[in-house]
PDB file of all heavy atoms in Angstrom:
ATOM      1  N   GLN A   1      -5.602 129.441-124.369  1.00  0.00           N
ATOM      2  CA  GLN A   1      -6.344 130.694-124.418  1.00  0.00           C
ATOM      3  C   GLN A   1      -6.173 131.378-125.777  1.00  0.00           C
ATOM      4  O   GLN A   1      -7.137 131.885-126.376  1.00  0.00           O
ATOM      5  CB  GLN A   1      -5.844 131.614-123.292  1.00  0.00           C
ATOM      6  CG  GLN A   1      -6.784 132.730-122.917  1.00  0.00           C
ATOM      7  CD  GLN A   1      -6.267 133.498-121.710  1.00  0.00           C
ATOM      8  OE1 GLN A   1      -5.066 133.776-121.573  1.00  0.00           O
ATOM      9  NE2 GLN A   1      -7.161 133.848-120.809  1.00  0.00           N
ATOM     10  N   GLN A   2      -4.940 131.348-126.279  1.00  0.00           N
ATOM     11  CA  GLN A   2      -4.658 131.940-127.582  1.00  0.00           C
ATOM     12  C   GLN A   2      -5.377 131.184-128.697  1.00  0.00           C
ATOM     13  O   GLN A   2      -5.925 131.796-129.624  1.00  0.00           O
ATOM     14  CB  GLN A   2      -3.141 131.917-127.830  1.00  0.00           C
ATOM     15  CG  GLN A   2      -2.686 132.772-129.010  1.00  0.00           C
ATOM     16  CD  GLN A   2      -2.489 134.218-128.622  1.00  0.00           C
ATOM     17  OE1 GLN A   2      -3.176 134.717-127.742  1.00  0.00           O
ATOM     18  NE2 GLN A   2      -1.572 134.894-129.279  1.00  0.00           N
ATOM     19  N   LEU A   3      -5.398 129.861-128.592  1.00  0.00           N
ATOM     20  CA  LEU A   3      -6.073 129.053-129.609  1.00  0.00           C
ATOM     21  C   LEU A   3      -7.582 129.251-129.577  1.00  0.00           C
ATOM     22  O   LEU A   3      -8.252 129.267-130.620  1.00  0.00           O
ATOM     23  CB  LEU A   3      -5.730 127.578-129.412  1.00  0.00           C
ATOM     24  CG  LEU A   3      -4.431 127.109-130.072  1.00  0.00           C
ATOM     25  CD1 LEU A   3      -4.078 125.700-129.624  1.00  0.00           C
ATOM     26  CD2 LEU A   3      -4.554 127.159-131.590  1.00  0.00           C
ATOM     27  N   GLU A   4      -8.132 129.394-128.396  1.00  0.00           N
ATOM     28  CA  GLU A   4      -9.572 129.645-128.286  1.00  0.00           C
ATOM     29  C   GLU A   4      -9.934 130.958-128.978  1.00  0.00           C
ATOM     30  O   GLU A   4     -10.936 131.046-129.700  1.00  0.00           O
ATOM     31  CB  GLU A   4      -9.977 129.685-126.810  1.00  0.00           C
ATOM     32  CG  GLU A   4     -11.478 129.688-126.596  1.00  0.00           C
ATOM     33  CD  GLU A   4     -11.856 129.550-125.127  1.00  0.00           C
ATOM     34  OE1 GLU A   4     -10.950 129.649-124.261  1.00  0.00           O
ATOM     35  OE2 GLU A   4     -13.041 129.337-124.851  1.00  0.00           O
ATOM     36  N   LYS A   5      -9.099 131.974-128.786  1.00  0.00           N
ATOM     37  CA  LYS A   5      -9.304 133.254-129.459  1.00  0.00           C
ATOM     38  C   LYS A   5      -9.154 133.095-130.979  1.00  0.00           C
ATOM     39  O   LYS A   5      -9.930 133.665-131.759  1.00  0.00           O
ATOM     40  CB  LYS A   5      -8.291 134.271-128.931  1.00  0.00           C
ATOM     41  CG  LYS A   5      -8.292 135.617-129.635  1.00  0.00           C
ATOM     42  CD  LYS A   5      -9.536 136.421-129.367  1.00  0.00           C
ATOM     43  CE  LYS A   5      -9.416 137.830-129.912  1.00  0.00           C
ATOM     44  NZ  LYS A   5     -10.667 138.610-129.803  1.00  0.00           N
ATOM     45  N   LEU A   6      -8.181 132.286-131.396  1.00  0.00           N
ATOM     46  CA  LEU A   6      -7.954 132.059-132.825  1.00  0.00           C
ATOM     47  C   LEU A   6      -9.180 131.438-133.488  1.00  0.00           C
ATOM     48  O   LEU A   6      -9.642 131.928-134.533  1.00  0.00           O
ATOM     49  CB  LEU A   6      -6.728 131.155-133.025  1.00  0.00           C
ATOM     50  CG  LEU A   6      -6.490 130.659-134.453  1.00  0.00           C
ATOM     51  CD1 LEU A   6      -6.163 131.828-135.388  1.00  0.00           C
ATOM     52  CD2 LEU A   6      -5.364 129.621-134.483  1.00  0.00           C
ATOM     53  N   PHE A   7      -9.727 130.377-132.902  1.00  0.00           N
ATOM     54  CA  PHE A   7     -10.882 129.719-133.514  1.00  0.00           C
ATOM     55  C   PHE A   7     -12.115 130.631-133.493  1.00  0.00           C
ATOM     56  O   PHE A   7     -12.927 130.594-134.419  1.00  0.00           O
ATOM     57  CB  PHE A   7     -11.169 128.396-132.808  1.00  0.00           C
ATOM     58  CG  PHE A   7     -10.211 127.305-133.189  1.00  0.00           C
ATOM     59  CD1 PHE A   7      -9.292 126.799-132.271  1.00  0.00           C
ATOM     60  CD2 PHE A   7     -10.212 126.777-134.468  1.00  0.00           C
ATOM     61  CE1 PHE A   7      -8.402 125.802-132.620  1.00  0.00           C
ATOM     62  CE2 PHE A   7      -9.329 125.773-134.827  1.00  0.00           C
ATOM     63  CZ  PHE A   7      -8.413 125.282-133.906  1.00  0.00           C
ATOM     64  N   THR A   8     -12.231 131.467-132.482  1.00  0.00           N
ATOM     65  CA  THR A   8     -13.330 132.442-132.457  1.00  0.00           C
ATOM     66  C   THR A   8     -13.212 133.407-133.630  1.00  0.00           C
ATOM     67  O   THR A   8     -14.208 133.718-134.302  1.00  0.00           O
ATOM     68  CB  THR A   8     -13.321 133.222-131.127  1.00  0.00           C
ATOM     69  OG1 THR A   8     -13.491 132.310-130.039  1.00  0.00           O
ATOM     70  CG2 THR A   8     -14.447 134.247-131.097  1.00  0.00           C
ATOM     71  N   GLU A   9     -11.998 133.881-133.882  1.00  0.00           N
ATOM     72  CA  GLU A   9     -11.779 134.812-134.991  1.00  0.00           C
ATOM     73  C   GLU A   9     -11.989 134.130-136.342  1.00  0.00           C
ATOM     74  O   GLU A   9     -12.528 134.731-137.281  1.00  0.00           O
ATOM     75  CB  GLU A   9     -10.364 135.399-134.915  1.00  0.00           C
ATOM     76  CG  GLU A   9     -10.125 136.294-133.715  1.00  0.00           C
ATOM     77  CD  GLU A   9     -10.975 137.556-133.754  1.00  0.00           C
ATOM     78  OE1 GLU A   9     -11.199 138.103-134.840  1.00  0.00           O
ATOM     79  OE2 GLU A   9     -11.440 137.987-132.679  1.00  0.00           O
ATOM     80  N   LEU A  10     -11.562 132.880-136.469  1.00  0.00           N
ATOM     81  CA  LEU A  10     -11.770 132.153-137.728  1.00  0.00           C
ATOM     82  C   LEU A  10     -13.257 131.986-138.017  1.00  0.00           C
ATOM     83  O   LEU A  10     -13.694 132.073-139.177  1.00  0.00           O
ATOM     84  CB  LEU A  10     -11.078 130.786-137.675  1.00  0.00           C
ATOM     85  CG  LEU A  10      -9.545 130.800-137.592  1.00  0.00           C
ATOM     86  CD1 LEU A  10      -9.006 129.379-137.557  1.00  0.00           C
ATOM     87  CD2 LEU A  10      -8.935 131.562-138.768  1.00  0.00           C
ATOM     88  N   MET A  11     -14.059 131.779-136.969  1.00  0.00           N
ATOM     89  CA  MET A  11     -15.506 131.660-137.169  1.00  0.00           C
ATOM     90  C   MET A  11     -16.118 132.987-137.604  1.00  0.00           C
ATOM     91  O   MET A  11     -17.076 133.016-138.385  1.00  0.00           O
ATOM     92  CB  MET A  11     -16.165 131.125-135.898  1.00  0.00           C
ATOM     93  CG  MET A  11     -15.920 129.635-135.665  1.00  0.00           C
ATOM     94  SD  MET A  11     -16.877 128.947-134.300  1.00  0.00           S
ATOM     95  CE  MET A  11     -15.895 129.458-132.893  1.00  0.00           C
ATOM     96  N   VAL A  12     -15.563 134.096-137.111  1.00  0.00           N
ATOM     97  CA  VAL A  12     -16.035 135.413-137.555  1.00  0.00           C
ATOM     98  C   VAL A  12     -15.788 135.570-139.056  1.00  0.00           C
ATOM     99  O   VAL A  12     -16.660 136.055-139.805  1.00  0.00           O
ATOM    100  CB  VAL A  12     -15.327 136.539-136.778  1.00  0.00           C
ATOM    101  CG1 VAL A  12     -15.640 137.900-137.392  1.00  0.00           C
ATOM    102  CG2 VAL A  12     -15.740 136.514-135.313  1.00  0.00           C
ATOM    103  N   ILE A  13     -14.616 135.148-139.510  1.00  0.00           N
ATOM    104  CA  ILE A  13     -14.282 135.236-140.934  1.00  0.00           C
ATOM    105  C   ILE A  13     -15.236 134.375-141.758  1.00  0.00           C
ATOM    106  O   ILE A  13     -15.752 134.805-142.797  1.00  0.00           O
ATOM    107  CB  ILE A  13     -12.819 134.812-141.173  1.00  0.00           C
ATOM    108  CG1 ILE A  13     -11.858 135.755-140.440  1.00  0.00           C
ATOM    109  CG2 ILE A  13     -12.499 134.784-142.668  1.00  0.00           C
ATOM    110  CD1 ILE A  13     -10.411 135.294-140.449  1.00  0.00           C
ATOM    111  N   ILE A  14     -15.490 133.154-141.301  1.00  0.00           N
ATOM    112  CA  ILE A  14     -16.372 132.244-142.039  1.00  0.00           C
ATOM    113  C   ILE A  14     -17.789 132.805-142.109  1.00  0.00           C
ATOM    114  O   ILE A  14     -18.444 132.754-143.153  1.00  0.00           O
ATOM    115  CB  ILE A  14     -16.355 130.850-141.378  1.00  0.00           C
ATOM    116  CG1 ILE A  14     -14.964 130.219-141.520  1.00  0.00           C
ATOM    117  CG2 ILE A  14     -17.420 129.942-142.002  1.00  0.00           C
ATOM    118  CD1 ILE A  14     -14.771 128.968-140.688  1.00  0.00           C
ATOM    119  N   ARG A  15     -18.280 133.361-140.996  1.00  0.00           N
ATOM    120  CA  ARG A  15     -19.640 133.927-140.985  1.00  0.00           C
ATOM    121  C   ARG A  15     -19.770 135.106-141.951  1.00  0.00           C
ATOM    122  O   ARG A  15     -20.857 135.396-142.437  1.00  0.00           O
ATOM    123  CB  ARG A  15     -20.013 134.372-139.567  1.00  0.00           C
ATOM    124  CG  ARG A  15     -20.297 133.232-138.607  1.00  0.00           C
ATOM    125  CD  ARG A  15     -20.944 133.759-137.339  1.00  0.00           C
ATOM    126  NE  ARG A  15     -21.154 132.705-136.354  1.00  0.00           N
ATOM    127  CZ  ARG A  15     -20.364 132.482-135.308  1.00  0.00           C
ATOM    128  NH1 ARG A  15     -19.297 133.261-135.115  1.00  0.00           N
ATOM    129  NH2 ARG A  15     -20.621 131.512-134.459  1.00  0.00           N
ATOM    130  N   SER A  16     -18.650 135.796-142.214  1.00  0.00           N
ATOM    131  CA  SER A  16     -18.698 136.935-143.140  1.00  0.00           C
ATOM    132  C   SER A  16     -18.770 136.486-144.594  1.00  0.00           C
ATOM    133  O   SER A  16     -18.924 137.314-145.498  1.00  0.00           O
ATOM    134  CB  SER A  16     -17.463 137.822-142.946  1.00  0.00           C
ATOM    135  OG  SER A  16     -16.295 137.199-143.482  1.00  0.00           O
ATOM    136  N   GLY A  17     -18.658 135.173-144.808  1.00  0.00           N
ATOM    137  CA  GLY A  17     -18.722 134.645-146.168  1.00  0.00           C
ATOM    138  C   GLY A  17     -17.367 134.429-146.809  1.00  0.00           C
ATOM    139  O   GLY A  17     -17.284 134.007-147.967  1.00  0.00           O
ATOM    140  N   GLN A  18     -16.279 134.699-146.054  1.00  0.00           N
ATOM    141  CA  GLN A  18     -14.938 134.521-146.593  1.00  0.00           C
ATOM    142  C   GLN A  18     -14.418 133.125-146.260  1.00  0.00           C
ATOM    143  O   GLN A  18     -14.628 132.624-145.155  1.00  0.00           O
ATOM    144  CB  GLN A  18     -13.977 135.570-146.013  1.00  0.00           C
ATOM    145  CG  GLN A  18     -14.443 136.996-146.176  1.00  0.00           C
ATOM    146  CD  GLN A  18     -14.671 137.367-147.615  1.00  0.00           C
ATOM    147  OE1 GLN A  18     -13.982 136.889-148.506  1.00  0.00           O
ATOM    148  NE2 GLN A  18     -15.666 138.206-147.854  1.00  0.00           N
ATOM    149  N   PRO A  19     -13.727 132.480-147.197  1.00  0.00           N
ATOM    150  CA  PRO A  19     -13.142 131.171-146.898  1.00  0.00           C
ATOM    151  C   PRO A  19     -11.930 131.315-145.983  1.00  0.00           C
ATOM    152  O   PRO A  19     -11.218 132.317-146.031  1.00  0.00           O
ATOM    153  CB  PRO A  19     -12.739 130.641-148.273  1.00  0.00           C
ATOM    154  CG  PRO A  19     -12.495 131.880-149.095  1.00  0.00           C
ATOM    155  CD  PRO A  19     -13.473 132.906-148.588  1.00  0.00           C
ATOM    156  N   VAL A  20     -11.715 130.317-145.163  1.00  0.00           N
ATOM    157  CA  VAL A  20     -10.527 130.264-144.312  1.00  0.00           C
ATOM    158  C   VAL A  20      -9.567 129.238-144.903  1.00  0.00           C
ATOM    159  O   VAL A  20      -9.921 128.076-145.074  1.00  0.00           O
ATOM    160  CB  VAL A  20     -10.897 129.879-142.867  1.00  0.00           C
ATOM    161  CG1 VAL A  20      -9.640 129.576-142.061  1.00  0.00           C
ATOM    162  CG2 VAL A  20     -11.675 131.000-142.202  1.00  0.00           C
ATOM    163  N   ASN A  21      -8.370 129.686-145.246  1.00  0.00           N
ATOM    164  CA  ASN A  21      -7.352 128.781-145.762  1.00  0.00           C
ATOM    165  C   ASN A  21      -6.090 128.895-144.912  1.00  0.00           C
ATOM    166  O   ASN A  21      -6.072 129.605-143.899  1.00  0.00           O
ATOM    167  CB  ASN A  21      -7.057 129.086-147.238  1.00  0.00           C
ATOM    168  CG  ASN A  21      -6.724 130.552-147.467  1.00  0.00           C
ATOM    169  OD1 ASN A  21      -6.185 131.216-146.580  1.00  0.00           O
ATOM    170  ND2 ASN A  21      -7.042 131.066-148.647  1.00  0.00           N
ATOM    171  N   VAL A  22      -5.036 128.200-145.335  1.00  0.00           N
ATOM    172  CA  VAL A  22      -3.800 128.192-144.543  1.00  0.00           C
ATOM    173  C   VAL A  22      -3.240 129.604-144.401  1.00  0.00           C
ATOM    174  O   VAL A  22      -2.781 130.003-143.322  1.00  0.00           O
ATOM    175  CB  VAL A  22      -2.761 127.249-145.184  1.00  0.00           C
ATOM    176  CG1 VAL A  22      -1.417 127.381-144.476  1.00  0.00           C
ATOM    177  CG2 VAL A  22      -3.238 125.810-145.124  1.00  0.00           C
ATOM    178  N   ASP A  23      -3.287 130.387-145.474  1.00  0.00           N
ATOM    179  CA  ASP A  23      -2.761 131.754-145.410  1.00  0.00           C
ATOM    180  C   ASP A  23      -3.499 132.596-144.374  1.00  0.00           C
ATOM    181  O   ASP A  23      -2.880 133.325-143.596  1.00  0.00           O
ATOM    182  CB  ASP A  23      -2.853 132.421-146.783  1.00  0.00           C
ATOM    183  CG  ASP A  23      -1.788 131.936-147.739  1.00  0.00           C
ATOM    184  OD1 ASP A  23      -0.779 131.383-147.251  1.00  0.00           O
ATOM    185  OD2 ASP A  23      -1.952 132.096-148.953  1.00  0.00           O
ATOM    186  N   SER A  24      -4.836 132.509-144.379  1.00  0.00           N
ATOM    187  CA  SER A  24      -5.596 133.319-143.421  1.00  0.00           C
ATOM    188  C   SER A  24      -5.383 132.818-141.997  1.00  0.00           C
ATOM    189  O   SER A  24      -5.413 133.609-141.041  1.00  0.00           O
ATOM    190  CB  SER A  24      -7.083 133.319-143.778  1.00  0.00           C
ATOM    191  OG  SER A  24      -7.589 132.025-143.941  1.00  0.00           O
ATOM    192  N   VAL A  25      -5.147 131.515-141.828  1.00  0.00           N
ATOM    193  CA  VAL A  25      -4.826 130.983-140.493  1.00  0.00           C
ATOM    194  C   VAL A  25      -3.500 131.561-140.004  1.00  0.00           C
ATOM    195  O   VAL A  25      -3.387 132.032-138.862  1.00  0.00           O
ATOM    196  CB  VAL A  25      -4.766 129.447-140.522  1.00  0.00           C
ATOM    197  CG1 VAL A  25      -4.174 128.908-139.212  1.00  0.00           C
ATOM    198  CG2 VAL A  25      -6.155 128.860-140.742  1.00  0.00           C
ATOM    199  N   ILE A  26      -2.487 131.539-140.872  1.00  0.00           N
ATOM    200  CA  ILE A  26      -1.167 132.053-140.491  1.00  0.00           C
ATOM    201  C   ILE A  26      -1.244 133.555-140.212  1.00  0.00           C
ATOM    202  O   ILE A  26      -0.646 134.058-139.248  1.00  0.00           O
ATOM    203  CB  ILE A  26      -0.141 131.749-141.598  1.00  0.00           C
ATOM    204  CG1 ILE A  26       0.072 130.239-141.711  1.00  0.00           C
ATOM    205  CG2 ILE A  26       1.182 132.458-141.327  1.00  0.00           C
ATOM    206  CD1 ILE A  26       0.935 129.818-142.876  1.00  0.00           C
ATOM    207  N   ARG A  27      -1.991 134.288-141.045  1.00  0.00           N
ATOM    208  CA  ARG A  27      -2.157 135.720-140.807  1.00  0.00           C
ATOM    209  C   ARG A  27      -2.815 135.971-139.458  1.00  0.00           C
ATOM    210  O   ARG A  27      -2.414 136.866-138.704  1.00  0.00           O
ATOM    211  CB  ARG A  27      -3.007 136.345-141.928  1.00  0.00           C
ATOM    212  CG  ARG A  27      -2.281 136.512-143.231  1.00  0.00           C
ATOM    213  CD  ARG A  27      -2.975 137.551-144.109  1.00  0.00           C
ATOM    214  NE  ARG A  27      -4.316 137.145-144.495  1.00  0.00           N
ATOM    215  CZ  ARG A  27      -4.616 136.502-145.610  1.00  0.00           C
ATOM    216  NH1 ARG A  27      -3.644 136.158-146.429  1.00  0.00           N
ATOM    217  NH2 ARG A  27      -5.860 136.201-145.904  1.00  0.00           N
ATOM    218  N   SER A  28      -3.855 135.190-139.156  1.00  0.00           N
ATOM    219  CA  SER A  28      -4.583 135.370-137.900  1.00  0.00           C
ATOM    220  C   SER A  28      -3.686 135.091-136.701  1.00  0.00           C
ATOM    221  O   SER A  28      -3.710 135.829-135.711  1.00  0.00           O
ATOM    222  CB  SER A  28      -5.808 134.446-137.867  1.00  0.00           C
ATOM    223  OG  SER A  28      -6.703 134.741-138.919  1.00  0.00           O
ATOM    224  N   ILE A  29      -2.892 134.039-136.790  1.00  0.00           N
ATOM    225  CA  ILE A  29      -1.968 133.713-135.698  1.00  0.00           C
ATOM    226  C   ILE A  29      -0.985 134.860-135.479  1.00  0.00           C
ATOM    227  O   ILE A  29      -0.696 135.256-134.340  1.00  0.00           O
ATOM    228  CB  ILE A  29      -1.222 132.402-135.993  1.00  0.00           C
ATOM    229  CG1 ILE A  29      -2.197 131.216-135.968  1.00  0.00           C
ATOM    230  CG2 ILE A  29      -0.088 132.178-134.990  1.00  0.00           C
ATOM    231  CD1 ILE A  29      -1.606 129.919-136.458  1.00  0.00           C
ATOM    232  N   GLY A  30      -0.475 135.430-136.574  1.00  0.00           N
ATOM    233  CA  GLY A  30       0.463 136.546-136.469  1.00  0.00           C
ATOM    234  C   GLY A  30      -0.158 137.765-135.820  1.00  0.00           C
ATOM    235  O   GLY A  30       0.481 138.433-134.996  1.00  0.00           O
ATOM    236  N   MET A  31      -1.405 138.072-136.170  1.00  0.00           N
ATOM    237  CA  MET A  31      -2.077 139.246-135.585  1.00  0.00           C
ATOM    238  C   MET A  31      -2.322 139.059-134.097  1.00  0.00           C
ATOM    239  O   MET A  31      -2.169 139.992-133.305  1.00  0.00           O
ATOM    240  CB  MET A  31      -3.400 139.495-136.306  1.00  0.00           C
ATOM    241  CG  MET A  31      -3.259 139.963-137.735  1.00  0.00           C
ATOM    242  SD  MET A  31      -4.873 140.242-138.497  1.00  0.00           S
ATOM    243  CE  MET A  31      -4.460 140.002-140.230  1.00  0.00           C
ATOM    244  N   LEU A  32      -2.708 137.844-133.722  1.00  0.00           N
ATOM    245  CA  LEU A  32      -2.993 137.588-132.306  1.00  0.00           C
ATOM    246  C   LEU A  32      -1.724 137.575-131.460  1.00  0.00           C
ATOM    247  O   LEU A  32      -1.784 137.739-130.242  1.00  0.00           O
ATOM    248  CB  LEU A  32      -3.738 136.261-132.154  1.00  0.00           C
ATOM    249  CG  LEU A  32      -5.159 136.235-132.731  1.00  0.00           C
ATOM    250  CD1 LEU A  32      -5.748 134.830-132.649  1.00  0.00           C
ATOM    251  CD2 LEU A  32      -6.060 137.226-132.002  1.00  0.00           C
TER     252      LEU A  32
END
């Protein structure tokens, strides 16, 4: 469930035109 939310949020970032890298993945995991 947590991972499904994570990938949903990563897609929001990508749609905004921002690249997703390891740092943004780790940040996203921490926020969730």
